[in-house]
Amino acid sequence: MARVCELTGKGRQVGHNVSHANNKTKRTFLPNLQNVTLMSEALGRSVKLRVSTHGLRSVEHNGGLDNWLAKTNEADLSPAARKIKRELAKKAKTAA
């Protein structure tokens, strides 16, 4: 399982551990991923996603999963999130 946020695309970064003697060794910085269940009001169901805490704050700031997916570019989303976004667009099209 890749260590990548399904909503923001945030993944691992590479850097160095730097000792007091300025020796550098490679290390990775992993995102703080959480398994969360988010509610979609438009679809009327909950969705399980693996989201970073930064992504979770962004979803809450934008007013929920539906608004977040509407504003986000499809290229940044995981395949599961893209599927949900397409379902939302289809639902909105039939409602209009």
PDB file of N, CA and C in Angstrom:
ATOM      1  N   MET A   1       0.839  -1.175   0.000  1.00  0.00           N
ATOM      2  CA  MET A   1       0.000   0.000   0.000  1.00  0.00           C
ATOM      3  C   MET A   1       0.889   1.245   0.000  1.00  0.00           C
ATOM      4  N   ALA A   2       0.679   2.119  -0.961  1.00  0.00           N
ATOM      5  CA  ALA A   2       1.491   3.323  -1.074  1.00  0.00           C
ATOM      6  C   ALA A   2       1.165   4.295   0.057  1.00  0.00           C
ATOM      7  N   ARG A   3       2.165   4.981   0.516  1.00  0.00           N
ATOM      8  CA  ARG A   3       1.964   5.960   1.592  1.00  0.00           C
ATOM      9  C   ARG A   3       1.670   7.325   0.982  1.00  0.00           C
ATOM     10  N   VAL A   4       0.481   7.427   0.375  1.00  0.00           N
ATOM     11  CA  VAL A   4       0.069   8.642  -0.315  1.00  0.00           C
ATOM     12  C   VAL A   4      -1.360   8.973   0.100  1.00  0.00           C
ATOM     13  N   CYS A   5      -1.618  10.250   0.357  1.00  0.00           N
ATOM     14  CA  CYS A   5      -2.960  10.709   0.691  1.00  0.00           C
ATOM     15  C   CYS A   5      -3.844  10.575  -0.543  1.00  0.00           C
ATOM     16  N   GLU A   6      -5.043  10.010  -0.371  1.00  0.00           N
ATOM     17  CA  GLU A   6      -5.937   9.789  -1.498  1.00  0.00           C
ATOM     18  C   GLU A   6      -6.621  11.064  -1.984  1.00  0.00           C
ATOM     19  N   LEU A   7      -6.626  12.114  -1.179  1.00  0.00           N
ATOM     20  CA  LEU A   7      -7.275  13.358  -1.581  1.00  0.00           C
ATOM     21  C   LEU A   7      -6.290  14.416  -2.060  1.00  0.00           C
ATOM     22  N   THR A   8      -5.182  14.574  -1.375  1.00  0.00           N
ATOM     23  CA  THR A   8      -4.240  15.640  -1.731  1.00  0.00           C
ATOM     24  C   THR A   8      -3.054  15.149  -2.543  1.00  0.00           C
ATOM     25  N   GLY A   9      -2.793  13.857  -2.546  1.00  0.00           N
ATOM     26  CA  GLY A   9      -1.640  13.333  -3.264  1.00  0.00           C
ATOM     27  C   GLY A   9      -0.334  13.494  -2.508  1.00  0.00           C
ATOM     28  N   LYS A  10      -0.425  13.939  -1.268  1.00  0.00           N
ATOM     29  CA  LYS A  10       0.768  14.138  -0.446  1.00  0.00           C
ATOM     30  C   LYS A  10       1.419  12.785  -0.160  1.00  0.00           C
ATOM     31  N   GLY A  11       2.719  12.686  -0.440  1.00  0.00           N
ATOM     32  CA  GLY A  11       3.433  11.426  -0.266  1.00  0.00           C
ATOM     33  C   GLY A  11       4.690  11.592   0.556  1.00  0.00           C
ATOM     34  N   ARG A  12       5.560  10.593   0.479  1.00  0.00           N
ATOM     35  CA  ARG A  12       6.776  10.637   1.274  1.00  0.00           C
ATOM     36  C   ARG A  12       7.777  11.606   0.660  1.00  0.00           C
ATOM     37  N   GLN A  13       8.626  12.173   1.513  1.00  0.00           N
ATOM     38  CA  GLN A  13       9.704  13.048   1.082  1.00  0.00           C
ATOM     39  C   GLN A  13      11.009  12.467   1.585  1.00  0.00           C
ATOM     40  N   VAL A  14      12.096  12.777   0.893  1.00  0.00           N
ATOM     41  CA  VAL A  14      13.405  12.255   1.256  1.00  0.00           C
ATOM     42  C   VAL A  14      14.267  13.400   1.752  1.00  0.00           C
ATOM     43  N   GLY A  15      15.047  13.116   2.803  1.00  0.00           N
ATOM     44  CA  GLY A  15      15.939  14.123   3.363  1.00  0.00           C
ATOM     45  C   GLY A  15      17.099  13.458   4.060  1.00  0.00           C
ATOM     46  N   HIS A  16      17.725  14.174   4.979  1.00  0.00           N
ATOM     47  CA  HIS A  16      18.876  13.662   5.701  1.00  0.00           C
ATOM     48  C   HIS A  16      18.673  13.763   7.204  1.00  0.00           C
ATOM     49  N   ASN A  17      19.208  12.772   7.938  1.00  0.00           N
ATOM     50  CA  ASN A  17      19.456  12.933   9.362  1.00  0.00           C
ATOM     51  C   ASN A  17      20.812  13.604   9.445  1.00  0.00           C
ATOM     52  N   VAL A  18      20.920  14.676  10.194  1.00  0.00           N
ATOM     53  CA  VAL A  18      22.195  15.383  10.306  1.00  0.00           C
ATOM     54  C   VAL A  18      22.669  15.288  11.752  1.00  0.00           C
ATOM     55  N   SER A  19      23.842  14.689  11.938  1.00  0.00           N
ATOM     56  CA  SER A  19      24.387  14.524  13.282  1.00  0.00           C
ATOM     57  C   SER A  19      25.088  15.801  13.740  1.00  0.00           C
ATOM     58  N   HIS A  20      25.502  15.796  15.001  1.00  0.00           N
ATOM     59  CA  HIS A  20      26.232  16.934  15.548  1.00  0.00           C
ATOM     60  C   HIS A  20      27.541  17.165  14.790  1.00  0.00           C
ATOM     61  N   ALA A  21      28.134  16.072  14.274  1.00  0.00           N
ATOM     62  CA  ALA A  21      29.376  16.163  13.499  1.00  0.00           C
ATOM     63  C   ALA A  21      29.087  16.460  12.018  1.00  0.00           C
ATOM     64  N   ASN A  22      27.830  16.780  11.701  1.00  0.00           N
ATOM     65  CA  ASN A  22      27.392  17.132  10.350  1.00  0.00           C
ATOM     66  C   ASN A  22      27.480  15.953   9.374  1.00  0.00           C
ATOM     67  N   ASN A  23      27.416  14.714   9.898  1.00  0.00           N
ATOM     68  CA  ASN A  23      27.301  13.545   9.033  1.00  0.00           C
ATOM     69  C   ASN A  23      25.853  13.452   8.558  1.00  0.00           C
ATOM     70  N   LYS A  24      25.678  13.122   7.285  1.00  0.00           N
ATOM     71  CA  LYS A  24      24.343  13.056   6.731  1.00  0.00           C
ATOM     72  C   LYS A  24      24.017  11.634   6.289  1.00  0.00           C
ATOM     73  N   THR A  25      22.874  11.133   6.736  1.00  0.00           N
ATOM     74  CA  THR A  25      22.387   9.827   6.298  1.00  0.00           C
ATOM     75  C   THR A  25      20.973  10.003   5.774  1.00  0.00           C
ATOM     76  N   LYS A  26      20.647   9.257   4.724  1.00  0.00           N
ATOM     77  CA  LYS A  26      19.327   9.368   4.100  1.00  0.00           C
ATOM     78  C   LYS A  26      18.230   8.911   5.052  1.00  0.00           C
ATOM     79  N   ARG A  27      17.084   9.574   4.945  1.00  0.00           N
ATOM     80  CA  ARG A  27      15.906   9.170   5.691  1.00  0.00           C
ATOM     81  C   ARG A  27      14.671   9.616   4.933  1.00  0.00           C
ATOM     82  N   THR A  28      13.518   9.077   5.310  1.00  0.00           N
ATOM     83  CA  THR A  28      12.270   9.479   4.664  1.00  0.00           C
ATOM     84  C   THR A  28      11.359  10.146   5.679  1.00  0.00           C
ATOM     85  N   PHE A  29      10.609  11.113   5.194  1.00  0.00           N
ATOM     86  CA  PHE A  29       9.592  11.788   5.984  1.00  0.00           C
ATOM     87  C   PHE A  29       8.247  11.307   5.460  1.00  0.00           C
ATOM     88  N   LEU A  30       7.484  10.616   6.281  1.00  0.00           N
ATOM     89  CA  LEU A  30       6.204  10.054   5.856  1.00  0.00           C
ATOM     90  C   LEU A  30       5.058  10.973   6.263  1.00  0.00           C
ATOM     91  N   PRO A  31       4.026  11.071   5.430  1.00  0.00           N
ATOM     92  CA  PRO A  31       2.861  11.872   5.807  1.00  0.00           C
ATOM     93  C   PRO A  31       2.079  11.182   6.918  1.00  0.00           C
ATOM     94  N   ASN A  32       1.366  11.966   7.686  1.00  0.00           N
ATOM     95  CA  ASN A  32       0.557  11.439   8.779  1.00  0.00           C
ATOM     96  C   ASN A  32      -0.788  10.975   8.197  1.00  0.00           C
ATOM     97  N   LEU A  33      -0.833   9.719   7.758  1.00  0.00           N
ATOM     98  CA  LEU A  33      -2.038   9.184   7.125  1.00  0.00           C
ATOM     99  C   LEU A  33      -2.946   8.525   8.147  1.00  0.00           C
ATOM    100  N   GLN A  34      -4.232   8.755   7.970  1.00  0.00           N
ATOM    101  CA  GLN A  34      -5.246   8.183   8.843  1.00  0.00           C
ATOM    102  C   GLN A  34      -6.312   7.518   7.978  1.00  0.00           C
ATOM    103  N   ASN A  35      -6.823   6.387   8.431  1.00  0.00           N
ATOM    104  CA  ASN A  35      -7.969   5.754   7.780  1.00  0.00           C
ATOM    105  C   ASN A  35      -9.226   6.409   8.337  1.00  0.00           C
ATOM    106  N   VAL A  36      -9.967   7.110   7.478  1.00  0.00           N
ATOM    107  CA  VAL A  36     -11.145   7.845   7.929  1.00  0.00           C
ATOM    108  C   VAL A  36     -12.361   7.456   7.092  1.00  0.00           C
ATOM    109  N   THR A  37     -13.514   7.646   7.672  1.00  0.00           N
ATOM    110  CA  THR A  37     -14.770   7.471   6.973  1.00  0.00           C
ATOM    111  C   THR A  37     -15.418   8.838   6.853  1.00  0.00           C
ATOM    112  N   LEU A  38     -15.556   9.324   5.620  1.00  0.00           N
ATOM    113  CA  LEU A  38     -16.142  10.639   5.374  1.00  0.00           C
ATOM    114  C   LEU A  38     -17.542  10.456   4.807  1.00  0.00           C
ATOM    115  N   MET A  39     -18.441  11.334   5.198  1.00  0.00           N
ATOM    116  CA  MET A  39     -19.833  11.261   4.759  1.00  0.00           C
ATOM    117  C   MET A  39     -20.043  12.148   3.545  1.00  0.00           C
ATOM    118  N   SER A  40     -20.665  11.598   2.523  1.00  0.00           N
ATOM    119  CA  SER A  40     -21.051  12.363   1.343  1.00  0.00           C
ATOM    120  C   SER A  40     -22.541  12.642   1.431  1.00  0.00           C
ATOM    121  N   GLU A  41     -22.908  13.925   1.568  1.00  0.00           N
ATOM    122  CA  GLU A  41     -24.318  14.283   1.702  1.00  0.00           C
ATOM    123  C   GLU A  41     -25.067  14.060   0.390  1.00  0.00           C
ATOM    124  N   ALA A  42     -24.417  14.371  -0.732  1.00  0.00           N
ATOM    125  CA  ALA A  42     -25.084  14.242  -2.031  1.00  0.00           C
ATOM    126  C   ALA A  42     -25.362  12.782  -2.371  1.00  0.00           C
ATOM    127  N   LEU A  43     -24.408  11.902  -2.078  1.00  0.00           N
ATOM    128  CA  LEU A  43     -24.598  10.483  -2.380  1.00  0.00           C
ATOM    129  C   LEU A  43     -25.380   9.763  -1.290  1.00  0.00           C
ATOM    130  N   GLY A  44     -25.402  10.348  -0.094  1.00  0.00           N
ATOM    131  CA  GLY A  44     -26.134   9.740   1.006  1.00  0.00           C
ATOM    132  C   GLY A  44     -25.459   8.510   1.575  1.00  0.00           C
ATOM    133  N   ARG A  45     -24.144   8.434   1.475  1.00  0.00           N
ATOM    134  CA  ARG A  45     -23.416   7.281   2.023  1.00  0.00           C
ATOM    135  C   ARG A  45     -22.050   7.729   2.514  1.00  0.00           C
ATOM    136  N   SER A  46     -21.413   6.852   3.270  1.00  0.00           N
ATOM    137  CA  SER A  46     -20.084   7.151   3.779  1.00  0.00           C
ATOM    138  C   SER A  46     -19.034   6.483   2.901  1.00  0.00           C
ATOM    139  N   VAL A  47     -17.825   7.064   2.912  1.00  0.00           N
ATOM    140  CA  VAL A  47     -16.737   6.602   2.057  1.00  0.00           C
ATOM    141  C   VAL A  47     -15.493   6.446   2.912  1.00  0.00           C
ATOM    142  N   LYS A  48     -14.812   5.292   2.807  1.00  0.00           N
ATOM    143  CA  LYS A  48     -13.572   5.072   3.540  1.00  0.00           C
ATOM    144  C   LYS A  48     -12.393   5.480   2.666  1.00  0.00           C
ATOM    145  N   LEU A  49     -11.532   6.333   3.206  1.00  0.00           N
ATOM    146  CA  LEU A  49     -10.357   6.801   2.482  1.00  0.00           C
ATOM    147  C   LEU A  49      -9.152   6.840   3.418  1.00  0.00           C
ATOM    148  N   ARG A  50      -7.960   6.817   2.839  1.00  0.00           N
ATOM    149  CA  ARG A  50      -6.716   6.980   3.599  1.00  0.00           C
ATOM    150  C   ARG A  50      -6.222   8.397   3.328  1.00  0.00           C
ATOM    151  N   VAL A  51      -6.384   9.270   4.328  1.00  0.00           N
ATOM    152  CA  VAL A  51      -6.186  10.701   4.140  1.00  0.00           C
ATOM    153  C   VAL A  51      -5.160  11.218   5.126  1.00  0.00           C
ATOM    154  N   SER A  52      -4.337  12.180   4.680  1.00  0.00           N
ATOM    155  CA  SER A  52      -3.403  12.840   5.589  1.00  0.00           C
ATOM    156  C   SER A  52      -4.193  13.788   6.492  1.00  0.00           C
ATOM    157  N   THR A  53      -3.620  14.117   7.625  1.00  0.00           N
ATOM    158  CA  THR A  53      -4.306  15.026   8.549  1.00  0.00           C
ATOM    159  C   THR A  53      -4.448  16.405   7.926  1.00  0.00           C
ATOM    160  N   HIS A  54      -3.485  16.805   7.097  1.00  0.00           N
ATOM    161  CA  HIS A  54      -3.583  18.079   6.381  1.00  0.00           C
ATOM    162  C   HIS A  54      -4.771  18.044   5.409  1.00  0.00           C
ATOM    163  N   GLY A  55      -4.934  16.923   4.708  1.00  0.00           N
ATOM    164  CA  GLY A  55      -6.049  16.769   3.786  1.00  0.00           C
ATOM    165  C   GLY A  55      -7.387  16.761   4.497  1.00  0.00           C
ATOM    166  N   LEU A  56      -7.422  16.163   5.668  1.00  0.00           N
ATOM    167  CA  LEU A  56      -8.647  16.122   6.457  1.00  0.00           C
ATOM    168  C   LEU A  56      -9.058  17.527   6.906  1.00  0.00           C
ATOM    169  N   ARG A  57      -8.070  18.327   7.309  1.00  0.00           N
ATOM    170  CA  ARG A  57      -8.352  19.721   7.688  1.00  0.00           C
ATOM    171  C   ARG A  57      -8.866  20.509   6.494  1.00  0.00           C
ATOM    172  N   SER A  58      -8.292  20.246   5.314  1.00  0.00           N
ATOM    173  CA  SER A  58      -8.717  20.947   4.099  1.00  0.00           C
ATOM    174  C   SER A  58     -10.165  20.598   3.739  1.00  0.00           C
ATOM    175  N   VAL A  59     -10.520  19.330   3.900  1.00  0.00           N
ATOM    176  CA  VAL A  59     -11.891  18.899   3.617  1.00  0.00           C
ATOM    177  C   VAL A  59     -12.852  19.613   4.559  1.00  0.00           C
ATOM    178  N   GLU A  60     -12.521  19.660   5.839  1.00  0.00           N
ATOM    179  CA  GLU A  60     -13.377  20.338   6.818  1.00  0.00           C
ATOM    180  C   GLU A  60     -13.477  21.834   6.515  1.00  0.00           C
ATOM    181  N   HIS A  61     -12.377  22.439   6.098  1.00  0.00           N
ATOM    182  CA  HIS A  61     -12.353  23.876   5.800  1.00  0.00           C
ATOM    183  C   HIS A  61     -13.240  24.201   4.598  1.00  0.00           C
ATOM    184  N   ASN A  62     -13.308  23.300   3.626  1.00  0.00           N
ATOM    185  CA  ASN A  62     -14.101  23.527   2.422  1.00  0.00           C
ATOM    186  C   ASN A  62     -15.569  23.131   2.574  1.00  0.00           C
ATOM    187  N   GLY A  63     -15.947  22.631   3.724  1.00  0.00           N
ATOM    188  CA  GLY A  63     -17.354  22.343   3.961  1.00  0.00           C
ATOM    189  C   GLY A  63     -17.772  20.925   3.652  1.00  0.00           C
ATOM    190  N   GLY A  64     -16.842  19.991   3.699  1.00  0.00           N
ATOM    191  CA  GLY A  64     -17.203  18.594   3.508  1.00  0.00           C
ATOM    192  C   GLY A  64     -16.591  17.985   2.262  1.00  0.00           C
ATOM    193  N   LEU A  65     -16.755  16.680   2.152  1.00  0.00           N
ATOM    194  CA  LEU A  65     -16.151  15.917   1.062  1.00  0.00           C
ATOM    195  C   LEU A  65     -16.686  16.341  -0.302  1.00  0.00           C
ATOM    196  N   ASP A  66     -17.982  16.588  -0.405  1.00  0.00           N
ATOM    197  CA  ASP A  66     -18.578  16.939  -1.694  1.00  0.00           C
ATOM    198  C   ASP A  66     -17.995  18.239  -2.247  1.00  0.00           C
ATOM    199  N   ASN A  67     -17.891  19.253  -1.408  1.00  0.00           N
ATOM    200  CA  ASN A  67     -17.326  20.539  -1.845  1.00  0.00           C
ATOM    201  C   ASN A  67     -15.848  20.402  -2.188  1.00  0.00           C
ATOM    202  N   TRP A  68     -15.117  19.617  -1.398  1.00  0.00           N
ATOM    203  CA  TRP A  68     -13.682  19.420  -1.650  1.00  0.00           C
ATOM    204  C   TRP A  68     -13.456  18.778  -3.011  1.00  0.00           C
ATOM    205  N   LEU A  69     -14.210  17.728  -3.309  1.00  0.00           N
ATOM    206  CA  LEU A  69     -14.043  17.030  -4.583  1.00  0.00           C
ATOM    207  C   LEU A  69     -14.457  17.897  -5.763  1.00  0.00           C
ATOM    208  N   ALA A  70     -15.451  18.752  -5.574  1.00  0.00           N
ATOM    209  CA  ALA A  70     -15.892  19.636  -6.652  1.00  0.00           C
ATOM    210  C   ALA A  70     -14.804  20.648  -7.018  1.00  0.00           C
ATOM    211  N   LYS A  71     -14.033  21.098  -6.024  1.00  0.00           N
ATOM    212  CA  LYS A  71     -13.013  22.125  -6.258  1.00  0.00           C
ATOM    213  C   LYS A  71     -11.658  21.565  -6.672  1.00  0.00           C
ATOM    214  N   THR A  72     -11.427  20.259  -6.463  1.00  0.00           N
ATOM    215  CA  THR A  72     -10.109  19.677  -6.684  1.00  0.00           C
ATOM    216  C   THR A  72      -9.976  19.130  -8.096  1.00  0.00           C
ATOM    217  N   ASN A  73      -8.770  19.275  -8.660  1.00  0.00           N
ATOM    218  CA  ASN A  73      -8.453  18.754  -9.980  1.00  0.00           C
ATOM    219  C   ASN A  73      -8.393  17.223  -9.929  1.00  0.00           C
ATOM    220  N   GLU A  74      -8.903  16.553 -10.955  1.00  0.00           N
ATOM    221  CA  GLU A  74      -8.929  15.083 -10.960  1.00  0.00           C
ATOM    222  C   GLU A  74      -7.534  14.475 -10.976  1.00  0.00           C
ATOM    223  N   ALA A  75      -6.561  15.169 -11.521  1.00  0.00           N
ATOM    224  CA  ALA A  75      -5.197  14.627 -11.619  1.00  0.00           C
ATOM    225  C   ALA A  75      -4.567  14.433 -10.241  1.00  0.00           C
ATOM    226  N   ASP A  76      -5.012  15.188  -9.242  1.00  0.00           N
ATOM    227  CA  ASP A  76      -4.449  15.104  -7.892  1.00  0.00           C
ATOM    228  C   ASP A  76      -5.083  13.994  -7.057  1.00  0.00           C
ATOM    229  N   LEU A  77      -6.172  13.418  -7.525  1.00  0.00           N
ATOM    230  CA  LEU A  77      -6.925  12.453  -6.724  1.00  0.00           C
ATOM    231  C   LEU A  77      -6.525  11.015  -7.028  1.00  0.00           C
ATOM    232  N   SER A  78      -6.783  10.138  -6.061  1.00  0.00           N
ATOM    233  CA  SER A  78      -6.557   8.702  -6.254  1.00  0.00           C
ATOM    234  C   SER A  78      -7.696   8.145  -7.107  1.00  0.00           C
ATOM    235  N   PRO A  79      -7.526   6.931  -7.648  1.00  0.00           N
ATOM    236  CA  PRO A  79      -8.616   6.337  -8.440  1.00  0.00           C
ATOM    237  C   PRO A  79      -9.934   6.215  -7.666  1.00  0.00           C
ATOM    238  N   ALA A  80      -9.874   5.888  -6.381  1.00  0.00           N
ATOM    239  CA  ALA A  80     -11.098   5.776  -5.575  1.00  0.00           C
ATOM    240  C   ALA A  80     -11.790   7.134  -5.436  1.00  0.00           C
ATOM    241  N   ALA A  81     -11.006   8.192  -5.217  1.00  0.00           N
ATOM    242  CA  ALA A  81     -11.574   9.535  -5.074  1.00  0.00           C
ATOM    243  C   ALA A  81     -12.120  10.033  -6.416  1.00  0.00           C
ATOM    244  N   ARG A  82     -11.463   9.678  -7.522  1.00  0.00           N
ATOM    245  CA  ARG A  82     -11.953  10.062  -8.849  1.00  0.00           C
ATOM    246  C   ARG A  82     -13.318   9.438  -9.114  1.00  0.00           C
ATOM    247  N   LYS A  83     -13.470   8.186  -8.700  1.00  0.00           N
ATOM    248  CA  LYS A  83     -14.741   7.481  -8.892  1.00  0.00           C
ATOM    249  C   LYS A  83     -15.860   8.190  -8.128  1.00  0.00           C
ATOM    250  N   ILE A  84     -15.567   8.597  -6.898  1.00  0.00           N
ATOM    251  CA  ILE A  84     -16.559   9.307  -6.087  1.00  0.00           C
ATOM    252  C   ILE A  84     -16.905  10.644  -6.723  1.00  0.00           C
ATOM    253  N   LYS A  85     -15.879  11.336  -7.246  1.00  0.00           N
ATOM    254  CA  LYS A  85     -16.115  12.636  -7.892  1.00  0.00           C
ATOM    255  C   LYS A  85     -17.008  12.473  -9.118  1.00  0.00           C
ATOM    256  N   ARG A  86     -16.794  11.418  -9.903  1.00  0.00           N
ATOM    257  CA  ARG A  86     -17.626  11.167 -11.081  1.00  0.00           C
ATOM    258  C   ARG A  86     -19.065  10.839 -10.677  1.00  0.00           C
ATOM    259  N   GLU A  87     -19.215  10.077  -9.588  1.00  0.00           N
ATOM    260  CA  GLU A  87     -20.563   9.766  -9.093  1.00  0.00           C
ATOM    261  C   GLU A  87     -21.287  11.037  -8.667  1.00  0.00           C
ATOM    262  N   LEU A  88     -20.563  11.959  -8.023  1.00  0.00           N
ATOM    263  CA  LEU A  88     -21.156  13.237  -7.600  1.00  0.00           C
ATOM    264  C   LEU A  88     -21.578  14.059  -8.817  1.00  0.00           C
ATOM    265  N   ALA A  89     -20.720  14.090  -9.844  1.00  0.00           N
ATOM    266  CA  ALA A  89     -21.050  14.852 -11.052  1.00  0.00           C
ATOM    267  C   ALA A  89     -22.276  14.257 -11.758  1.00  0.00           C
ATOM    268  N   LYS A  90     -22.344  12.942 -11.793  1.00  0.00           N
ATOM    269  CA  LYS A  90     -23.477  12.257 -12.420  1.00  0.00           C
ATOM    270  C   LYS A  90     -24.766  12.556 -11.656  1.00  0.00           C
ATOM    271  N   LYS A  91     -24.680  12.523 -10.331  1.00  0.00           N
ATOM    272  CA  LYS A  91     -25.836  12.797  -9.482  1.00  0.00           C
ATOM    273  C   LYS A  91     -26.315  14.248  -9.679  1.00  0.00           C
ATOM    274  N   ALA A  92     -25.356  15.187  -9.761  1.00  0.00           N
ATOM    275  CA  ALA A  92     -25.701  16.591  -9.944  1.00  0.00           C
ATOM    276  C   ALA A  92     -26.334  16.821 -11.322  1.00  0.00           C
ATOM    277  N   LYS A  93     -25.847  16.083 -12.327  1.00  0.00           N
ATOM    278  CA  LYS A  93     -26.366  16.233 -13.685  1.00  0.00           C
ATOM    279  C   LYS A  93     -27.823  15.747 -13.766  1.00  0.00           C
ATOM    280  N   THR A  94     -28.109  14.636 -13.107  1.00  0.00           N
ATOM    281  CA  THR A  94     -29.482  14.104 -13.142  1.00  0.00           C
ATOM    282  C   THR A  94     -30.431  14.963 -12.311  1.00  0.00           C
ATOM    283  N   ALA A  95     -29.919  15.607 -11.274  1.00  0.00           N
ATOM    284  CA  ALA A  95     -30.762  16.449 -10.413  1.00  0.00           C
ATOM    285  C   ALA A  95     -31.094  17.769 -11.113  1.00  0.00           C
ATOM    286  N   ALA A  96     -30.217  18.234 -12.001  1.00  0.00           N
ATOM    287  CA  ALA A  96     -30.434  19.533 -12.655  1.00  0.00           C
ATOM    288  C   ALA A  96     -31.325  19.443 -13.860  1.00  0.00           C
TER     289      ALA A  96
END
